Amino acid sequence: MYEQYPVFKGLQAPLQMFGLQGRFLVYAAAIVGIVILGYILLFVLLGGWASFIITLLNATVGGIFFYIQYKKGLHSKSRNNYVNVYKSIYVNK
C-alpha cells in the first residue's frame, strides 16, 4: 500500500470582502485606519479646518495609491517582453 501524507492545498476560496481580494483588503484597511487616526491626531494638534483639509489630502493620496495598485492586478509581477533562451546545461559527448 501507499503511504499517505497530509497535503496543504491552500485556501479553497480566495479571501474576498466587499468585492476586494487578498492584499487589497489590507491596503484599504490601512488607508482607512491611517486617515481616521491621522484626523484625530491632527484635530488635537492643529484644530478643525486644518485637520480636515490635511485629511482630505491624505485620503486622496491613499485613494490614488490604491487605484494604481488595483490596476496592476492582484498578482503584479514584472513582465518581460523579450525571449529568454536557455542553453542546455548538459554536455553531449
PDB file of N, CA and C in Angstrom:
ATOM      1  N   MET A   1       0.829  -1.183   0.000  1.00  0.00           N
ATOM      2  CA  MET A   1       0.000   0.000   0.000  1.00  0.00           C
ATOM      3  C   MET A   1       0.878   1.253   0.000  1.00  0.00           C
ATOM      4  N   TYR A   2       0.274   2.335  -0.446  1.00  0.00           N
ATOM      5  CA  TYR A   2       0.968   3.607  -0.500  1.00  0.00           C
ATOM      6  C   TYR A   2       0.843   4.322   0.835  1.00  0.00           C
ATOM      7  N   GLU A   3       1.893   5.044   1.184  1.00  0.00           N
ATOM      8  CA  GLU A   3       1.829   5.865   2.388  1.00  0.00           C
ATOM      9  C   GLU A   3       1.054   7.138   2.080  1.00  0.00           C
ATOM     10  N   GLN A   4       0.327   7.635   3.052  1.00  0.00           N
ATOM     11  CA  GLN A   4      -0.433   8.855   2.855  1.00  0.00           C
ATOM     12  C   GLN A   4       0.176   9.988   3.664  1.00  0.00           C
ATOM     13  N   TYR A   5       0.239  11.163   3.035  1.00  0.00           N
ATOM     14  CA  TYR A   5       0.783  12.342   3.684  1.00  0.00           C
ATOM     15  C   TYR A   5      -0.245  13.469   3.584  1.00  0.00           C
ATOM     16  N   PRO A   6      -0.394  14.236   4.655  1.00  0.00           N
ATOM     17  CA  PRO A   6      -1.313  15.381   4.563  1.00  0.00           C
ATOM     18  C   PRO A   6      -0.708  16.450   3.652  1.00  0.00           C
ATOM     19  N   VAL A   7      -1.504  16.983   2.772  1.00  0.00           N
ATOM     20  CA  VAL A   7      -1.048  17.996   1.829  1.00  0.00           C
ATOM     21  C   VAL A   7      -1.899  19.243   2.016  1.00  0.00           C
ATOM     22  N   PHE A   8      -1.234  20.377   2.214  1.00  0.00           N
ATOM     23  CA  PHE A   8      -1.944  21.647   2.322  1.00  0.00           C
ATOM     24  C   PHE A   8      -2.176  22.175   0.919  1.00  0.00           C
ATOM     25  N   LYS A   9      -3.420  22.346   0.554  1.00  0.00           N
ATOM     26  CA  LYS A   9      -3.759  22.792  -0.795  1.00  0.00           C
ATOM     27  C   LYS A   9      -4.092  24.279  -0.839  1.00  0.00           C
ATOM     28  N   GLY A  10      -3.864  24.987   0.239  1.00  0.00           N
ATOM     29  CA  GLY A  10      -4.153  26.415   0.245  1.00  0.00           C
ATOM     30  C   GLY A  10      -5.610  26.679   0.570  1.00  0.00           C
ATOM     31  N   LEU A  11      -5.999  27.906   0.416  1.00  0.00           N
ATOM     32  CA  LEU A  11      -7.381  28.278   0.668  1.00  0.00           C
ATOM     33  C   LEU A  11      -8.268  27.699  -0.415  1.00  0.00           C
ATOM     34  N   GLN A  12      -9.412  27.243  -0.045  1.00  0.00           N
ATOM     35  CA  GLN A  12     -10.330  26.679  -1.022  1.00  0.00           C
ATOM     36  C   GLN A  12     -10.999  27.771  -1.842  1.00  0.00           C
ATOM     37  N   ALA A  13     -11.159  28.929  -1.256  1.00  0.00           N
ATOM     38  CA  ALA A  13     -11.734  30.074  -1.961  1.00  0.00           C
ATOM     39  C   ALA A  13     -10.859  31.284  -1.653  1.00  0.00           C
ATOM     40  N   PRO A  14     -10.691  32.178  -2.599  1.00  0.00           N
ATOM     41  CA  PRO A  14      -9.841  33.345  -2.326  1.00  0.00           C
ATOM     42  C   PRO A  14     -10.467  34.251  -1.274  1.00  0.00           C
ATOM     43  N   LEU A  15      -9.616  34.899  -0.512  1.00  0.00           N
ATOM     44  CA  LEU A  15     -10.072  35.840   0.503  1.00  0.00           C
ATOM     45  C   LEU A  15     -10.718  37.033  -0.202  1.00  0.00           C
ATOM     46  N   GLN A  16     -11.988  37.278   0.097  1.00  0.00           N
ATOM     47  CA  GLN A  16     -12.710  38.336  -0.603  1.00  0.00           C
ATOM     48  C   GLN A  16     -13.729  38.965   0.337  1.00  0.00           C
ATOM     49  N   MET A  17     -13.825  40.306   0.261  1.00  0.00           N
ATOM     50  CA  MET A  17     -14.800  41.028   1.060  1.00  0.00           C
ATOM     51  C   MET A  17     -15.057  42.372   0.382  1.00  0.00           C
ATOM     52  N   PHE A  18     -16.298  42.749   0.255  1.00  0.00           N
ATOM     53  CA  PHE A  18     -16.718  43.985  -0.397  1.00  0.00           C
ATOM     54  C   PHE A  18     -16.196  44.083  -1.829  1.00  0.00           C
ATOM     55  N   GLY A  19     -16.016  42.955  -2.489  1.00  0.00           N
ATOM     56  CA  GLY A  19     -15.527  42.951  -3.860  1.00  0.00           C
ATOM     57  C   GLY A  19     -14.030  43.104  -3.983  1.00  0.00           C
ATOM     58  N   LEU A  20     -13.321  43.184  -2.859  1.00  0.00           N
ATOM     59  CA  LEU A  20     -11.867  43.299  -2.876  1.00  0.00           C
ATOM     60  C   LEU A  20     -11.251  41.963  -2.527  1.00  0.00           C
ATOM     61  N   GLN A  21     -10.119  41.656  -3.134  1.00  0.00           N
ATOM     62  CA  GLN A  21      -9.472  40.381  -2.870  1.00  0.00           C
ATOM     63  C   GLN A  21      -8.093  40.585  -2.262  1.00  0.00           C
ATOM     64  N   GLY A  22      -7.707  39.598  -1.467  1.00  0.00           N
ATOM     65  CA  GLY A  22      -6.345  39.464  -0.973  1.00  0.00           C
ATOM     66  C   GLY A  22      -5.742  40.709  -0.363  1.00  0.00           C
ATOM     67  N   ARG A  23      -4.616  41.112  -0.937  1.00  0.00           N
ATOM     68  CA  ARG A  23      -3.857  42.210  -0.345  1.00  0.00           C
ATOM     69  C   ARG A  23      -4.570  43.550  -0.441  1.00  0.00           C
ATOM     70  N   PHE A  24      -5.540  43.679  -1.338  1.00  0.00           N
ATOM     71  CA  PHE A  24      -6.262  44.944  -1.453  1.00  0.00           C
ATOM     72  C   PHE A  24      -7.113  45.203  -0.221  1.00  0.00           C
ATOM     73  N   LEU A  25      -7.531  44.157   0.473  1.00  0.00           N
ATOM     74  CA  LEU A  25      -8.224  44.341   1.750  1.00  0.00           C
ATOM     75  C   LEU A  25      -7.284  44.984   2.763  1.00  0.00           C
ATOM     76  N   VAL A  26      -6.041  44.539   2.774  1.00  0.00           N
ATOM     77  CA  VAL A  26      -5.058  45.108   3.700  1.00  0.00           C
ATOM     78  C   VAL A  26      -4.781  46.563   3.335  1.00  0.00           C
ATOM     79  N   TYR A  27      -4.608  46.845   2.034  1.00  0.00           N
ATOM     80  CA  TYR A  27      -4.382  48.226   1.599  1.00  0.00           C
ATOM     81  C   TYR A  27      -5.547  49.122   2.005  1.00  0.00           C
ATOM     82  N   ALA A  28      -6.761  48.689   1.744  1.00  0.00           N
ATOM     83  CA  ALA A  28      -7.936  49.508   2.058  1.00  0.00           C
ATOM     84  C   ALA A  28      -8.053  49.739   3.566  1.00  0.00           C
ATOM     85  N   ALA A  29      -7.836  48.696   4.352  1.00  0.00           N
ATOM     86  CA  ALA A  29      -7.928  48.840   5.804  1.00  0.00           C
ATOM     87  C   ALA A  29      -6.839  49.769   6.330  1.00  0.00           C
ATOM     88  N   ALA A  30      -5.636  49.662   5.777  1.00  0.00           N
ATOM     89  CA  ALA A  30      -4.539  50.530   6.214  1.00  0.00           C
ATOM     90  C   ALA A  30      -4.816  51.983   5.850  1.00  0.00           C
ATOM     91  N   ILE A  31      -5.321  52.213   4.652  1.00  0.00           N
ATOM     92  CA  ILE A  31      -5.610  53.591   4.237  1.00  0.00           C
ATOM     93  C   ILE A  31      -6.695  54.201   5.113  1.00  0.00           C
ATOM     94  N   VAL A  32      -7.763  53.459   5.349  1.00  0.00           N
ATOM     95  CA  VAL A  32      -8.859  53.974   6.192  1.00  0.00           C
ATOM     96  C   VAL A  32      -8.364  54.216   7.614  1.00  0.00           C
ATOM     97  N   GLY A  33      -7.586  53.285   8.156  1.00  0.00           N
ATOM     98  CA  GLY A  33      -7.060  53.449   9.513  1.00  0.00           C
ATOM     99  C   GLY A  33      -6.133  54.642   9.642  1.00  0.00           C
ATOM    100  N   ILE A  34      -5.247  54.824   8.664  1.00  0.00           N
ATOM    101  CA  ILE A  34      -4.325  55.960   8.703  1.00  0.00           C
ATOM    102  C   ILE A  34      -5.078  57.273   8.590  1.00  0.00           C
ATOM    103  N   VAL A  35      -6.079  57.318   7.724  1.00  0.00           N
ATOM    104  CA  VAL A  35      -6.853  58.553   7.563  1.00  0.00           C
ATOM    105  C   VAL A  35      -7.599  58.889   8.848  1.00  0.00           C
ATOM    106  N   ILE A  36      -8.235  57.902   9.481  1.00  0.00           N
ATOM    107  CA  ILE A  36      -9.004  58.168  10.712  1.00  0.00           C
ATOM    108  C   ILE A  36      -8.081  58.574  11.862  1.00  0.00           C
ATOM    109  N   LEU A  37      -7.004  57.799  12.070  1.00  0.00           N
ATOM    110  CA  LEU A  37      -6.082  58.143  13.158  1.00  0.00           C
ATOM    111  C   LEU A  37      -5.360  59.460  12.886  1.00  0.00           C
ATOM    112  N   GLY A  38      -5.052  59.711  11.622  1.00  0.00           N
ATOM    113  CA  GLY A  38      -4.418  60.975  11.272  1.00  0.00           C
ATOM    114  C   GLY A  38      -5.333  62.154  11.537  1.00  0.00           C
ATOM    115  N   TYR A  39      -6.610  61.998  11.232  1.00  0.00           N
ATOM    116  CA  TYR A  39      -7.563  63.080  11.501  1.00  0.00           C
ATOM    117  C   TYR A  39      -7.652  63.374  12.993  1.00  0.00           C
ATOM    118  N   ILE A  40      -7.732  62.330  13.782  1.00  0.00           N
ATOM    119  CA  ILE A  40      -7.834  62.525  15.240  1.00  0.00           C
ATOM    120  C   ILE A  40      -6.588  63.225  15.773  1.00  0.00           C
ATOM    121  N   LEU A  41      -5.423  62.751  15.347  1.00  0.00           N
ATOM    122  CA  LEU A  41      -4.171  63.348  15.814  1.00  0.00           C
ATOM    123  C   LEU A  41      -4.042  64.801  15.342  1.00  0.00           C
ATOM    124  N   LEU A  42      -4.356  65.056  14.101  1.00  0.00           N
ATOM    125  CA  LEU A  42      -4.262  66.419  13.575  1.00  0.00           C
ATOM    126  C   LEU A  42      -5.299  67.354  14.194  1.00  0.00           C
ATOM    127  N   PHE A  43      -6.469  66.808  14.507  1.00  0.00           N
ATOM    128  CA  PHE A  43      -7.502  67.626  15.148  1.00  0.00           C
ATOM    129  C   PHE A  43      -7.037  68.105  16.515  1.00  0.00           C
ATOM    130  N   VAL A  44      -6.348  67.225  17.237  1.00  0.00           N
ATOM    131  CA  VAL A  44      -5.841  67.597  18.553  1.00  0.00           C
ATOM    132  C   VAL A  44      -4.712  68.616  18.417  1.00  0.00           C
ATOM    133  N   LEU A  45      -3.848  68.428  17.416  1.00  0.00           N
ATOM    134  CA  LEU A  45      -2.684  69.297  17.283  1.00  0.00           C
ATOM    135  C   LEU A  45      -2.977  70.622  16.578  1.00  0.00           C
ATOM    136  N   LEU A  46      -3.783  70.595  15.514  1.00  0.00           N
ATOM    137  CA  LEU A  46      -3.937  71.779  14.669  1.00  0.00           C
ATOM    138  C   LEU A  46      -5.303  72.435  14.742  1.00  0.00           C
ATOM    139  N   GLY A  47      -6.317  71.691  15.055  1.00  0.00           N
ATOM    140  CA  GLY A  47      -7.659  72.258  15.055  1.00  0.00           C
ATOM    141  C   GLY A  47      -8.496  71.666  13.934  1.00  0.00           C
ATOM    142  N   GLY A  48      -9.730  72.164  13.802  1.00  0.00           N
ATOM    143  CA  GLY A  48     -10.721  71.569  12.924  1.00  0.00           C
ATOM    144  C   GLY A  48     -10.459  71.660  11.442  1.00  0.00           C
ATOM    145  N   TRP A  49     -10.369  72.900  10.911  1.00  0.00           N
ATOM    146  CA  TRP A  49     -10.285  73.040   9.455  1.00  0.00           C
ATOM    147  C   TRP A  49      -8.970  72.546   8.885  1.00  0.00           C
ATOM    148  N   ALA A  50      -7.885  72.811   9.561  1.00  0.00           N
ATOM    149  CA  ALA A  50      -6.584  72.360   9.070  1.00  0.00           C
ATOM    150  C   ALA A  50      -6.516  70.834   9.029  1.00  0.00           C
ATOM    151  N   SER A  51      -7.032  70.191  10.068  1.00  0.00           N
ATOM    152  CA  SER A  51      -7.019  68.729  10.091  1.00  0.00           C
ATOM    153  C   SER A  51      -7.935  68.164   9.013  1.00  0.00           C
ATOM    154  N   PHE A  52      -9.057  68.829   8.748  1.00  0.00           N
ATOM    155  CA  PHE A  52      -9.981  68.368   7.711  1.00  0.00           C
ATOM    156  C   PHE A  52      -9.339  68.446   6.325  1.00  0.00           C
ATOM    157  N   ILE A  53      -8.657  69.531   6.044  1.00  0.00           N
ATOM    158  CA  ILE A  53      -8.002  69.696   4.739  1.00  0.00           C
ATOM    159  C   ILE A  53      -6.869  68.693   4.567  1.00  0.00           C
ATOM    160  N   ILE A  54      -6.046  68.508   5.595  1.00  0.00           N
ATOM    161  CA  ILE A  54      -4.939  67.549   5.505  1.00  0.00           C
ATOM    162  C   ILE A  54      -5.479  66.126   5.401  1.00  0.00           C
ATOM    163  N   THR A  55      -6.586  65.838   6.075  1.00  0.00           N
ATOM    164  CA  THR A  55      -7.195  64.511   5.982  1.00  0.00           C
ATOM    165  C   THR A  55      -7.732  64.253   4.583  1.00  0.00           C
ATOM    166  N   LEU A  56      -8.336  65.246   3.954  1.00  0.00           N
ATOM    167  CA  LEU A  56      -8.780  65.087   2.571  1.00  0.00           C
ATOM    168  C   LEU A  56      -7.598  64.821   1.642  1.00  0.00           C
ATOM    169  N   LEU A  57      -6.496  65.514   1.878  1.00  0.00           N
ATOM    170  CA  LEU A  57      -5.293  65.288   1.079  1.00  0.00           C
ATOM    171  C   LEU A  57      -4.759  63.868   1.280  1.00  0.00           C
ATOM    172  N   ASN A  58      -4.723  63.414   2.535  1.00  0.00           N
ATOM    173  CA  ASN A  58      -4.260  62.041   2.825  1.00  0.00           C
ATOM    174  C   ASN A  58      -5.179  61.001   2.190  1.00  0.00           C
ATOM    175  N   ALA A  59      -6.476  61.219   2.257  1.00  0.00           N
ATOM    176  CA  ALA A  59      -7.424  60.274   1.664  1.00  0.00           C
ATOM    177  C   ALA A  59      -7.276  60.238   0.145  1.00  0.00           C
ATOM    178  N   THR A  60      -7.019  61.392  -0.467  1.00  0.00           N
ATOM    179  CA  THR A  60      -6.825  61.441  -1.913  1.00  0.00           C
ATOM    180  C   THR A  60      -5.554  60.700  -2.324  1.00  0.00           C
ATOM    181  N   VAL A  61      -4.472  60.921  -1.620  1.00  0.00           N
ATOM    182  CA  VAL A  61      -3.213  60.229  -1.920  1.00  0.00           C
ATOM    183  C   VAL A  61      -3.380  58.725  -1.707  1.00  0.00           C
ATOM    184  N   GLY A  62      -4.045  58.334  -0.634  1.00  0.00           N
ATOM    185  CA  GLY A  62      -4.297  56.911  -0.385  1.00  0.00           C
ATOM    186  C   GLY A  62      -5.173  56.289  -1.457  1.00  0.00           C
ATOM    187  N   GLY A  63      -6.183  57.026  -1.910  1.00  0.00           N
ATOM    188  CA  GLY A  63      -7.046  56.528  -2.975  1.00  0.00           C
ATOM    189  C   GLY A  63      -6.305  56.366  -4.289  1.00  0.00           C
ATOM    190  N   ILE A  64      -5.434  57.313  -4.605  1.00  0.00           N
ATOM    191  CA  ILE A  64      -4.630  57.200  -5.830  1.00  0.00           C
ATOM    192  C   ILE A  64      -3.690  56.010  -5.746  1.00  0.00           C
ATOM    193  N   PHE A  65      -3.044  55.830  -4.592  1.00  0.00           N
ATOM    194  CA  PHE A  65      -2.170  54.666  -4.406  1.00  0.00           C
ATOM    195  C   PHE A  65      -2.953  53.369  -4.577  1.00  0.00           C
ATOM    196  N   PHE A  66      -4.130  53.316  -3.974  1.00  0.00           N
ATOM    197  CA  PHE A  66      -4.961  52.114  -4.065  1.00  0.00           C
ATOM    198  C   PHE A  66      -5.370  51.851  -5.507  1.00  0.00           C
ATOM    199  N   TYR A  67      -5.753  52.892  -6.227  1.00  0.00           N
ATOM    200  CA  TYR A  67      -6.170  52.754  -7.627  1.00  0.00           C
ATOM    201  C   TYR A  67      -5.022  52.237  -8.494  1.00  0.00           C
ATOM    202  N   ILE A  68      -3.823  52.767  -8.291  1.00  0.00           N
ATOM    203  CA  ILE A  68      -2.667  52.317  -9.077  1.00  0.00           C
ATOM    204  C   ILE A  68      -2.366  50.854  -8.787  1.00  0.00           C
ATOM    205  N   GLN A  69      -2.376  50.468  -7.515  1.00  0.00           N
ATOM    206  CA  GLN A  69      -2.098  49.073  -7.167  1.00  0.00           C
ATOM    207  C   GLN A  69      -3.187  48.141  -7.691  1.00  0.00           C
ATOM    208  N   TYR A  70      -4.425  48.604  -7.671  1.00  0.00           N
ATOM    209  CA  TYR A  70      -5.541  47.780  -8.135  1.00  0.00           C
ATOM    210  C   TYR A  70      -5.458  47.569  -9.640  1.00  0.00           C
ATOM    211  N   LYS A  71      -5.020  48.589 -10.358  1.00  0.00           N
ATOM    212  CA  LYS A  71      -4.880  48.471 -11.810  1.00  0.00           C
ATOM    213  C   LYS A  71      -3.753  47.507 -12.182  1.00  0.00           C
ATOM    214  N   LYS A  72      -2.713  47.429 -11.360  1.00  0.00           N
ATOM    215  CA  LYS A  72      -1.612  46.499 -11.629  1.00  0.00           C
ATOM    216  C   LYS A  72      -2.090  45.053 -11.522  1.00  0.00           C
ATOM    217  N   GLY A  73      -3.056  44.812 -10.680  1.00  0.00           N
ATOM    218  CA  GLY A  73      -3.609  43.469 -10.535  1.00  0.00           C
ATOM    219  C   GLY A  73      -3.205  42.811  -9.239  1.00  0.00           C
ATOM    220  N   LEU A  74      -3.877  41.719  -8.948  1.00  0.00           N
ATOM    221  CA  LEU A  74      -3.641  41.017  -7.690  1.00  0.00           C
ATOM    222  C   LEU A  74      -2.268  40.371  -7.662  1.00  0.00           C
ATOM    223  N   HIS A  75      -1.844  39.851  -8.785  1.00  0.00           N
ATOM    224  CA  HIS A  75      -0.542  39.196  -8.870  1.00  0.00           C
ATOM    225  C   HIS A  75       0.355  40.021  -9.781  1.00  0.00           C
ATOM    226  N   SER A  76       0.705  41.218  -9.344  1.00  0.00           N
ATOM    227  CA  SER A  76       1.517  42.093 -10.181  1.00  0.00           C
ATOM    228  C   SER A  76       2.973  41.651 -10.103  1.00  0.00           C
ATOM    229  N   LYS A  77       3.482  41.217 -11.197  1.00  0.00           N
ATOM    230  CA  LYS A  77       4.878  40.810 -11.314  1.00  0.00           C
ATOM    231  C   LYS A  77       5.479  41.558 -12.490  1.00  0.00           C
ATOM    232  N   SER A  78       6.799  41.627 -12.497  1.00  0.00           N
ATOM    233  CA  SER A  78       7.437  42.268 -13.644  1.00  0.00           C
ATOM    234  C   SER A  78       7.313  41.344 -14.849  1.00  0.00           C
ATOM    235  N   ARG A  79       6.873  41.894 -15.937  1.00  0.00           N
ATOM    236  CA  ARG A  79       6.668  41.131 -17.151  1.00  0.00           C
ATOM    237  C   ARG A  79       7.736  41.502 -18.164  1.00  0.00           C
ATOM    238  N   ASN A  80       8.424  40.512 -18.674  1.00  0.00           N
ATOM    239  CA  ASN A  80       9.451  40.750 -19.681  1.00  0.00           C
ATOM    240  C   ASN A  80       8.874  40.469 -21.057  1.00  0.00           C
ATOM    241  N   ASN A  81       9.110  41.372 -21.984  1.00  0.00           N
ATOM    242  CA  ASN A  81       8.581  41.214 -23.330  1.00  0.00           C
ATOM    243  C   ASN A  81       9.606  40.626 -24.289  1.00  0.00           C
ATOM    244  N   TYR A  82      10.706  40.156 -23.786  1.00  0.00           N
ATOM    245  CA  TYR A  82      11.715  39.578 -24.652  1.00  0.00           C
ATOM    246  C   TYR A  82      11.740  38.068 -24.461  1.00  0.00           C
ATOM    247  N   VAL A  83      12.467  37.391 -25.319  1.00  0.00           N
ATOM    248  CA  VAL A  83      12.520  35.934 -25.309  1.00  0.00           C
ATOM    249  C   VAL A  83      13.797  35.495 -24.608  1.00  0.00           C
ATOM    250  N   ASN A  84      13.658  34.629 -23.613  1.00  0.00           N
ATOM    251  CA  ASN A  84      14.810  34.069 -22.919  1.00  0.00           C
ATOM    252  C   ASN A  84      15.193  32.757 -23.573  1.00  0.00           C
ATOM    253  N   VAL A  85      16.462  32.598 -23.877  1.00  0.00           N
ATOM    254  CA  VAL A  85      16.952  31.357 -24.462  1.00  0.00           C
ATOM    255  C   VAL A  85      17.893  30.723 -23.447  1.00  0.00           C
ATOM    256  N   TYR A  86      17.527  29.532 -22.995  1.00  0.00           N
ATOM    257  CA  TYR A  86      18.360  28.809 -22.050  1.00  0.00           C
ATOM    258  C   TYR A  86      19.066  27.692 -22.790  1.00  0.00           C
ATOM    259  N   LYS A  87      20.383  27.730 -22.776  1.00  0.00           N
ATOM    260  CA  LYS A  87      21.139  26.673 -23.423  1.00  0.00           C
ATOM    261  C   LYS A  87      21.228  25.495 -22.478  1.00  0.00           C
ATOM    262  N   SER A  88      21.358  24.327 -23.033  1.00  0.00           N
ATOM    263  CA  SER A  88      21.394  23.108 -22.233  1.00  0.00           C
ATOM    264  C   SER A  88      22.593  23.126 -21.310  1.00  0.00           C
ATOM    265  N   ILE A  89      22.372  22.639 -20.089  1.00  0.00           N
ATOM    266  CA  ILE A  89      23.473  22.571 -19.138  1.00  0.00           C
ATOM    267  C   ILE A  89      24.190  21.231 -19.243  1.00  0.00           C
ATOM    268  N   TYR A  90      23.659  20.326 -20.071  1.00  0.00           N
ATOM    269  CA  TYR A  90      24.263  19.024 -20.250  1.00  0.00           C
ATOM    270  C   TYR A  90      25.220  19.055 -21.422  1.00  0.00           C
ATOM    271  N   VAL A  91      26.342  18.397 -21.276  1.00  0.00           N
ATOM    272  CA  VAL A  91      27.325  18.333 -22.352  1.00  0.00           C
ATOM    273  C   VAL A  91      27.170  16.980 -23.030  1.00  0.00           C
ATOM    274  N   ASN A  92      26.904  16.997 -24.331  1.00  0.00           N
ATOM    275  CA  ASN A  92      26.782  15.755 -25.091  1.00  0.00           C
ATOM    276  C   ASN A  92      28.138  15.356 -25.646  1.00  0.00           C
ATOM    277  N   LYS A  93      28.593  14.169 -25.318  1.00  0.00           N
ATOM    278  CA  LYS A  93      29.889  13.686 -25.820  1.00  0.00           C
ATOM    279  C   LYS A  93      29.695  12.546 -26.766  1.00  0.00           C
TER     280      LYS A  93
END
